[in-house]
Structures are given as structure tokens and as C-alpha cells.
PDB file of N, CA and C in Angstrom:
ATOM      1  N   MET A   1     231.073 146.608 111.097  1.00  0.00           N
ATOM      2  CA  MET A   1     230.154 145.737 110.459  1.00  0.00           C
ATOM      3  C   MET A   1     228.711 145.922 110.922  1.00  0.00           C
ATOM      4  N   ALA A   2     228.531 146.116 112.176  1.00  0.00           N
ATOM      5  CA  ALA A   2     227.150 146.265 112.690  1.00  0.00           C
ATOM      6  C   ALA A   2     226.531 147.563 112.165  1.00  0.00           C
ATOM      7  N   THR A   3     227.293 148.493 111.788  1.00  0.00           N
ATOM      8  CA  THR A   3     226.729 149.735 111.318  1.00  0.00           C
ATOM      9  C   THR A   3     226.407 149.718 109.762  1.00  0.00           C
ATOM     10  N   ASP A   4     226.855 148.634 109.117  1.00  0.00           N
ATOM     11  CA  ASP A   4     226.596 148.503 107.658  1.00  0.00           C
ATOM     12  C   ASP A   4     225.148 148.370 107.319  1.00  0.00           C
ATOM     13  N   GLY A   5     224.358 147.652 108.141  1.00  0.00           N
ATOM     14  CA  GLY A   5     223.005 147.400 107.828  1.00  0.00           C
ATOM     15  C   GLY A   5     222.184 147.167 109.108  1.00  0.00           C
ATOM     16  N   PRO A   6     220.939 146.822 108.968  1.00  0.00           N
ATOM     17  CA  PRO A   6     220.124 146.557 110.131  1.00  0.00           C
ATOM     18  C   PRO A   6     220.597 145.308 110.876  1.00  0.00           C
ATOM     19  N   SER A   7     220.360 145.314 112.142  1.00  0.00           N
ATOM     20  CA  SER A   7     220.801 144.120 112.948  1.00  0.00           C
ATOM     21  C   SER A   7     219.775 142.967 112.741  1.00  0.00           C
ATOM     22  N   TRP A   8     220.181 141.825 113.272  1.00  0.00           N
ATOM     23  CA  TRP A   8     219.315 140.656 113.172  1.00  0.00           C
ATOM     24  C   TRP A   8     217.967 140.939 113.827  1.00  0.00           C
ATOM     25  N   ALA A   9     217.967 141.549 114.962  1.00  0.00           N
ATOM     26  CA  ALA A   9     216.729 141.861 115.671  1.00  0.00           C
ATOM     27  C   ALA A   9     215.867 142.810 114.934  1.00  0.00           C
ATOM     28  N   ASP A  10     216.425 143.750 114.172  1.00  0.00           N
ATOM     29  CA  ASP A  10     215.644 144.671 113.354  1.00  0.00           C
ATOM     30  C   ASP A  10     214.978 143.944 112.235  1.00  0.00           C
ATOM     31  N   GLN A  11     215.650 142.945 111.649  1.00  0.00           N
ATOM     32  CA  GLN A  11     215.062 142.253 110.531  1.00  0.00           C
ATOM     33  C   GLN A  11     214.010 141.219 110.898  1.00  0.00           C
ATOM     34  N   TRP A  12     214.298 140.449 111.981  1.00  0.00           N
ATOM     35  CA  TRP A  12     213.440 139.296 112.286  1.00  0.00           C
ATOM     36  C   TRP A  12     212.660 139.507 113.549  1.00  0.00           C
ATOM     37  N   GLY A  13     212.954 140.495 114.325  1.00  0.00           N
ATOM     38  CA  GLY A  13     212.243 140.740 115.556  1.00  0.00           C
ATOM     39  C   GLY A  13     210.797 141.257 115.284  1.00  0.00           C
ATOM     40  N   GLU A  14     210.060 141.499 116.323  1.00  0.00           N
ATOM     41  CA  GLU A  14     208.688 141.928 116.155  1.00  0.00           C
ATOM     42  C   GLU A  14     208.673 143.306 115.581  1.00  0.00           C
ATOM     43  N   GLY A  15     207.965 143.528 114.515  1.00  0.00           N
ATOM     44  CA  GLY A  15     207.857 144.824 113.854  1.00  0.00           C
ATOM     45  C   GLY A  15     209.033 145.100 112.868  1.00  0.00           C
ATOM     46  N   GLY A  16     209.795 144.052 112.527  1.00  0.00           N
ATOM     47  CA  GLY A  16     210.934 144.246 111.638  1.00  0.00           C
ATOM     48  C   GLY A  16     210.476 144.158 110.202  1.00  0.00           C
ATOM     49  N   PHE A  17     211.434 143.907 109.284  1.00  0.00           N
ATOM     50  CA  PHE A  17     211.138 143.861 107.856  1.00  0.00           C
ATOM     51  C   PHE A  17     210.131 142.783 107.522  1.00  0.00           C
ATOM     52  N   GLY A  18     210.204 141.599 108.128  1.00  0.00           N
ATOM     53  CA  GLY A  18     209.359 140.466 107.853  1.00  0.00           C
ATOM     54  C   GLY A  18     208.095 140.408 108.678  1.00  0.00           C
ATOM     55  N   ALA A  19     207.787 141.474 109.421  1.00  0.00           N
ATOM     56  CA  ALA A  19     206.625 141.406 110.318  1.00  0.00           C
ATOM     57  C   ALA A  19     205.350 141.449 109.484  1.00  0.00           C
ATOM     58  N   MET A  20     204.342 140.741 109.944  1.00  0.00           N
ATOM     59  CA  MET A  20     203.066 140.743 109.267  1.00  0.00           C
ATOM     60  C   MET A  20     202.113 141.655 110.033  1.00  0.00           C
ATOM     61  N   ALA A  21     201.212 142.208 109.237  1.00  0.00           N
ATOM     62  CA  ALA A  21     200.201 143.116 109.825  1.00  0.00           C
ATOM     63  C   ALA A  21     199.179 142.244 110.631  1.00  0.00           C
ATOM     64  N   GLU A  22     198.517 142.857 111.607  1.00  0.00           N
ATOM     65  CA  GLU A  22     197.513 142.163 112.429  1.00  0.00           C
ATOM     66  C   GLU A  22     196.370 141.531 111.593  1.00  0.00           C
ATOM     67  N   GLU A  23     195.992 142.231 110.563  1.00  0.00           N
ATOM     68  CA  GLU A  23     194.896 141.763 109.749  1.00  0.00           C
ATOM     69  C   GLU A  23     195.324 140.448 109.009  1.00  0.00           C
ATOM     70  N   ASP A  24     196.551 140.387 108.571  1.00  0.00           N
ATOM     71  CA  ASP A  24     196.969 139.175 107.898  1.00  0.00           C
ATOM     72  C   ASP A  24     196.972 137.977 108.833  1.00  0.00           C
ATOM     73  N   THR A  25     197.355 138.148 110.092  1.00  0.00           N
ATOM     74  CA  THR A  25     197.420 137.028 110.989  1.00  0.00           C
ATOM     75  C   THR A  25     196.003 136.566 111.389  1.00  0.00           C
ATOM     76  N   LYS A  26     195.093 137.526 111.449  1.00  0.00           N
ATOM     77  CA  LYS A  26     193.681 137.124 111.758  1.00  0.00           C
ATOM     78  C   LYS A  26     193.104 136.387 110.560  1.00  0.00           C
ATOM     79  N   SER A  27     193.316 136.831 109.414  1.00  0.00           N
ATOM     80  CA  SER A  27     192.752 136.124 108.216  1.00  0.00           C
ATOM     81  C   SER A  27     193.359 134.732 108.066  1.00  0.00           C
ATOM     82  N   ASN A  28     194.652 134.574 108.446  1.00  0.00           N
ATOM     83  CA  ASN A  28     195.288 133.257 108.413  1.00  0.00           C
ATOM     84  C   ASN A  28     194.626 132.318 109.458  1.00  0.00           C
ATOM     85  N   LYS A  29     194.324 132.864 110.628  1.00  0.00           N
ATOM     86  CA  LYS A  29     193.636 131.994 111.667  1.00  0.00           C
ATOM     87  C   LYS A  29     192.263 131.581 111.156  1.00  0.00           C
ATOM     88  N   GLU A  30     191.514 132.492 110.491  1.00  0.00           N
ATOM     89  CA  GLU A  30     190.206 132.197 110.048  1.00  0.00           C
ATOM     90  C   GLU A  30     190.230 131.092 108.936  1.00  0.00           C
ATOM     91  N   THR A  31     191.173 131.196 108.020  1.00  0.00           N
ATOM     92  CA  THR A  31     191.262 130.217 106.984  1.00  0.00           C
ATOM     93  C   THR A  31     191.724 128.862 107.602  1.00  0.00           C
ATOM     94  N   ALA A  32     192.528 128.854 108.631  1.00  0.00           N
ATOM     95  CA  ALA A  32     192.891 127.585 109.290  1.00  0.00           C
ATOM     96  C   ALA A  32     191.684 126.963 109.912  1.00  0.00           C
ATOM     97  N   ALA A  33     190.838 127.773 110.541  1.00  0.00           N
ATOM     98  CA  ALA A  33     189.566 127.249 111.109  1.00  0.00           C
ATOM     99  C   ALA A  33     188.664 126.687 110.067  1.00  0.00           C
ATOM    100  N   ASP A  34     188.606 127.354 108.943  1.00  0.00           N
ATOM    101  CA  ASP A  34     187.793 126.849 107.826  1.00  0.00           C
ATOM    102  C   ASP A  34     188.305 125.518 107.278  1.00  0.00           C
ATOM    103  N   LYS A  35     189.657 125.396 107.239  1.00  0.00           N
ATOM    104  CA  LYS A  35     190.211 124.112 106.790  1.00  0.00           C
ATOM    105  C   LYS A  35     189.930 123.009 107.721  1.00  0.00           C
ATOM    106  N   LYS A  36     189.924 123.313 108.979  1.00  0.00           N
ATOM    107  CA  LYS A  36     189.620 122.261 109.999  1.00  0.00           C
ATOM    108  C   LYS A  36     188.225 121.723 109.810  1.00  0.00           C
ATOM    109  N   THR A  37     187.262 122.610 109.616  1.00  0.00           N
ATOM    110  CA  THR A  37     185.868 122.157 109.466  1.00  0.00           C
ATOM    111  C   THR A  37     185.714 121.407 108.180  1.00  0.00           C
ATOM    112  N   GLY A  38     186.393 121.843 107.115  1.00  0.00           N
ATOM    113  CA  GLY A  38     186.373 121.089 105.862  1.00  0.00           C
ATOM    114  C   GLY A  38     186.956 119.726 106.018  1.00  0.00           C
ATOM    115  N   GLY A  39     187.981 119.590 106.784  1.00  0.00           N
ATOM    116  CA  GLY A  39     188.623 118.274 107.019  1.00  0.00           C
ATOM    117  C   GLY A  39     187.698 117.384 107.812  1.00  0.00           C
ATOM    118  N   PHE A  40     186.932 117.948 108.720  1.00  0.00           N
ATOM    119  CA  PHE A  40     185.942 117.176 109.525  1.00  0.00           C
ATOM    120  C   PHE A  40     184.860 116.625 108.572  1.00  0.00           C
ATOM    121  N   GLY A  41     184.446 117.440 107.689  1.00  0.00           N
ATOM    122  CA  GLY A  41     183.390 116.995 106.759  1.00  0.00           C
ATOM    123  C   GLY A  41     183.895 115.811 105.879  1.00  0.00           C
ATOM    124  N   LYS A  42     185.164 115.912 105.429  1.00  0.00           N
ATOM    125  CA  LYS A  42     185.730 114.814 104.613  1.00  0.00           C
ATOM    126  C   LYS A  42     185.888 113.591 105.466  1.00  0.00           C
ATOM    127  N   ALA A  43     186.264 113.739 106.680  1.00  0.00           N
ATOM    128  CA  ALA A  43     186.505 112.545 107.571  1.00  0.00           C
ATOM    129  C   ALA A  43     185.134 111.916 107.859  1.00  0.00           C
ATOM    130  N   LYS A  44     184.120 112.707 108.080  1.00  0.00           N
ATOM    131  CA  LYS A  44     182.813 112.202 108.356  1.00  0.00           C
ATOM    132  C   LYS A  44     182.252 111.459 107.139  1.00  0.00           C
ATOM    133  N   ALA A  45     182.449 112.010 105.961  1.00  0.00           N
ATOM    134  CA  ALA A  45     181.981 111.308 104.717  1.00  0.00           C
ATOM    135  C   ALA A  45     182.691 110.007 104.535  1.00  0.00           C
ATOM    136  N   ALA A  46     183.995 109.983 104.807  1.00  0.00           N
ATOM    137  CA  ALA A  46     184.782 108.725 104.686  1.00  0.00           C
ATOM    138  C   ALA A  46     184.296 107.695 105.715  1.00  0.00           C
ATOM    139  N   ALA A  47     184.011 108.137 106.922  1.00  0.00           N
ATOM    140  CA  ALA A  47     183.520 107.243 107.960  1.00  0.00           C
ATOM    141  C   ALA A  47     182.138 106.649 107.593  1.00  0.00           C
ATOM    142  N   VAL A  48     181.276 107.448 107.023  1.00  0.00           N
ATOM    143  CA  VAL A  48     179.936 107.015 106.650  1.00  0.00           C
ATOM    144  C   VAL A  48     180.080 106.013 105.498  1.00  0.00           C
ATOM    145  N   ALA A  49     180.941 106.316 104.563  1.00  0.00           N
ATOM    146  CA  ALA A  49     181.143 105.378 103.420  1.00  0.00           C
ATOM    147  C   ALA A  49     181.677 104.044 103.938  1.00  0.00           C
ATOM    148  N   GLY A  50     182.639 104.083 104.901  1.00  0.00           N
ATOM    149  CA  GLY A  50     183.201 102.870 105.431  1.00  0.00           C
ATOM    150  C   GLY A  50     182.208 102.066 106.165  1.00  0.00           C
ATOM    151  N   ALA A  51     181.327 102.718 106.950  1.00  0.00           N
ATOM    152  CA  ALA A  51     180.266 102.039 107.705  1.00  0.00           C
ATOM    153  C   ALA A  51     179.309 101.359 106.755  1.00  0.00           C
ATOM    154  N   LEU A  52     178.964 102.041 105.701  1.00  0.00           N
ATOM    155  CA  LEU A  52     178.039 101.394 104.720  1.00  0.00           C
ATOM    156  C   LEU A  52     178.655 100.176 104.069  1.00  0.00           C
ATOM    157  N   LYS A  53     179.967 100.220 103.795  1.00  0.00           N
ATOM    158  CA  LYS A  53     180.616  99.046 103.221  1.00  0.00           C
ATOM    159  C   LYS A  53     180.634  97.939 104.217  1.00  0.00           C
ATOM    160  N   VAL A  54     180.918  98.166 105.468  1.00  0.00           N
ATOM    161  CA  VAL A  54     180.857  97.168 106.497  1.00  0.00           C
ATOM    162  C   VAL A  54     179.497  96.534 106.582  1.00  0.00           C
ATOM    163  N   LYS A  55     178.459  97.363 106.603  1.00  0.00           N
ATOM    164  CA  LYS A  55     177.131  96.894 106.775  1.00  0.00           C
ATOM    165  C   LYS A  55     176.694  96.031 105.577  1.00  0.00           C
ATOM    166  N   ASN A  56     177.039  96.429 104.357  1.00  0.00           N
ATOM    167  CA  ASN A  56     176.732  95.662 103.175  1.00  0.00           C
ATOM    168  C   ASN A  56     177.460  94.339 103.104  1.00  0.00           C
ATOM    169  N   SER A  57     178.763  94.354 103.465  1.00  0.00           N
ATOM    170  CA  SER A  57     179.506  93.106 103.435  1.00  0.00           C
ATOM    171  C   SER A  57     179.064  92.107 104.522  1.00  0.00           C
ATOM    172  N   THR A  58     178.667  92.656 105.690  1.00  0.00           N
ATOM    173  CA  THR A  58     178.171  91.784 106.739  1.00  0.00           C
ATOM    174  C   THR A  58     176.860  91.189 106.338  1.00  0.00           C
ATOM    175  N   SER A  59     175.993  91.948 105.701  1.00  0.00           N
ATOM    176  CA  SER A  59     174.689  91.427 105.250  1.00  0.00           C
ATOM    177  C   SER A  59     174.921  90.328 104.189  1.00  0.00           C
ATOM    178  N   MET A  60     175.838  90.588 103.259  1.00  0.00           N
ATOM    179  CA  MET A  60     176.092  89.603 102.232  1.00  0.00           C
ATOM    180  C   MET A  60     176.695  88.317 102.800  1.00  0.00           C
ATOM    181  N   SER A  61     177.509  88.431 103.815  1.00  0.00           N
ATOM    182  CA  SER A  61     178.156  87.326 104.452  1.00  0.00           C
ATOM    183  C   SER A  61     177.138  86.473 105.168  1.00  0.00           C
ATOM    184  N   ILE A  62     176.187  87.098 105.894  1.00  0.00           N
ATOM    185  CA  ILE A  62     175.144  86.375 106.604  1.00  0.00           C
ATOM    186  C   ILE A  62     174.236  85.636 105.647  1.00  0.00           C
ATOM    187  N   LYS A  63     173.909  86.283 104.498  1.00  0.00           N
ATOM    188  CA  LYS A  63     173.058  85.627 103.519  1.00  0.00           C
ATOM    189  C   LYS A  63     173.824  84.437 102.912  1.00  0.00           C
ATOM    190  N   TRP A  64     175.103  84.545 102.636  1.00  0.00           N
ATOM    191  CA  TRP A  64     175.877  83.440 102.102  1.00  0.00           C
ATOM    192  C   TRP A  64     175.862  82.276 103.082  1.00  0.00           C
ATOM    193  N   VAL A  65     176.115  82.558 104.365  1.00  0.00           N
ATOM    194  CA  VAL A  65     176.100  81.469 105.370  1.00  0.00           C
ATOM    195  C   VAL A  65     174.739  80.825 105.490  1.00  0.00           C
ATOM    196  N   LYS A  66     173.692  81.572 105.452  1.00  0.00           N
ATOM    197  CA  LYS A  66     172.326  81.011 105.480  1.00  0.00           C
ATOM    198  C   LYS A  66     172.118  80.109 104.304  1.00  0.00           C
ATOM    199  N   ASN A  67     172.501  80.556 103.096  1.00  0.00           N
ATOM    200  CA  ASN A  67     172.312  79.733 101.934  1.00  0.00           C
ATOM    201  C   ASN A  67     173.090  78.408 102.030  1.00  0.00           C
ATOM    202  N   LYS A  68     174.276  78.517 102.547  1.00  0.00           N
ATOM    203  CA  LYS A  68     175.108  77.286 102.710  1.00  0.00           C
ATOM    204  C   LYS A  68     174.450  76.335 103.712  1.00  0.00           C
ATOM    205  N   CYS A  69     173.880  76.849 104.782  1.00  0.00           N
ATOM    206  CA  CYS A  69     173.325  76.028 105.846  1.00  0.00           C
ATOM    207  C   CYS A  69     172.030  75.428 105.317  1.00  0.00           C
ATOM    208  N   GLN A  70     171.244  76.129 104.548  1.00  0.00           N
ATOM    209  CA  GLN A  70     169.978  75.605 104.023  1.00  0.00           C
ATOM    210  C   GLN A  70     170.213  74.573 103.019  1.00  0.00           C
ATOM    211  N   LYS A  71     171.261  74.639 102.235  1.00  0.00           N
ATOM    212  CA  LYS A  71     171.575  73.619 101.283  1.00  0.00           C
ATOM    213  C   LYS A  71     171.950  72.336 102.014  1.00  0.00           C
ATOM    214  N   LYS A  72     172.686  72.394 103.045  1.00  0.00           N
ATOM    215  CA  LYS A  72     173.117  71.220 103.767  1.00  0.00           C
ATOM    216  C   LYS A  72     171.913  70.519 104.396  1.00  0.00           C
ATOM    217  N   THR A  73     170.969  71.267 105.008  1.00  0.00           N
ATOM    218  CA  THR A  73     169.809  70.648 105.633  1.00  0.00           C
ATOM    219  C   THR A  73     168.867  70.094 104.581  1.00  0.00           C
ATOM    220  N   SER A  74     168.762  70.724 103.427  1.00  0.00           N
ATOM    221  CA  SER A  74     167.780  70.211 102.415  1.00  0.00           C
ATOM    222  C   SER A  74     168.334  68.914 101.767  1.00  0.00           C
ATOM    223  N   ASN A  75     169.657  68.751 101.693  1.00  0.00           N
ATOM    224  CA  ASN A  75     170.275  67.591 101.093  1.00  0.00           C
ATOM    225  C   ASN A  75     170.275  66.398 102.035  1.00  0.00           C
ATOM    226  N   ALA A  76     170.169  66.622 103.306  1.00  0.00           N
ATOM    227  CA  ALA A  76     170.246  65.579 104.296  1.00  0.00           C
ATOM    228  C   ALA A  76     169.019  64.828 104.471  1.00  0.00           C
TER     229      ALA A  76
END
């Protein structure tokens, strides 16, 4: 049976049928690095958008509280 075809090591070991060329592995690493920087940009944009929402909602809340307090003092 072992003489019928290539062994497991020949098929899946280093340099076997499924081995990738060095150029392919380098290009995969470069694209992975590009994806990481793209993800950082997306995360940064989401963080900035979230910070702006917090800032705006805090500002609106403070204005609402001030208006409520001013109405109470003017009626008294």
C-alpha cells in the first residue's frame, strides 16, 4: 500500500504537493499587515464618532439641567 502513491509526509510535509512558494507567503504577510492598519483606521474613526456623541449628549444634558434650574429659581 505504501508503494501505491506518495506518503503523507510527501504530500503535506515541507516542499510537498501543497507547499507554497516563498513569494506567496511574503505577499500574504504583507496583505495581513495592510489589513491590520486598515482595521486601526476603522477603529479610530469609530472611537472619534463615539467621543463626539458623548460630548454632544453631555452638552445637551447640561443645558437641559441649567434650563430646569433657571425655571425653578425664576418661579420662586
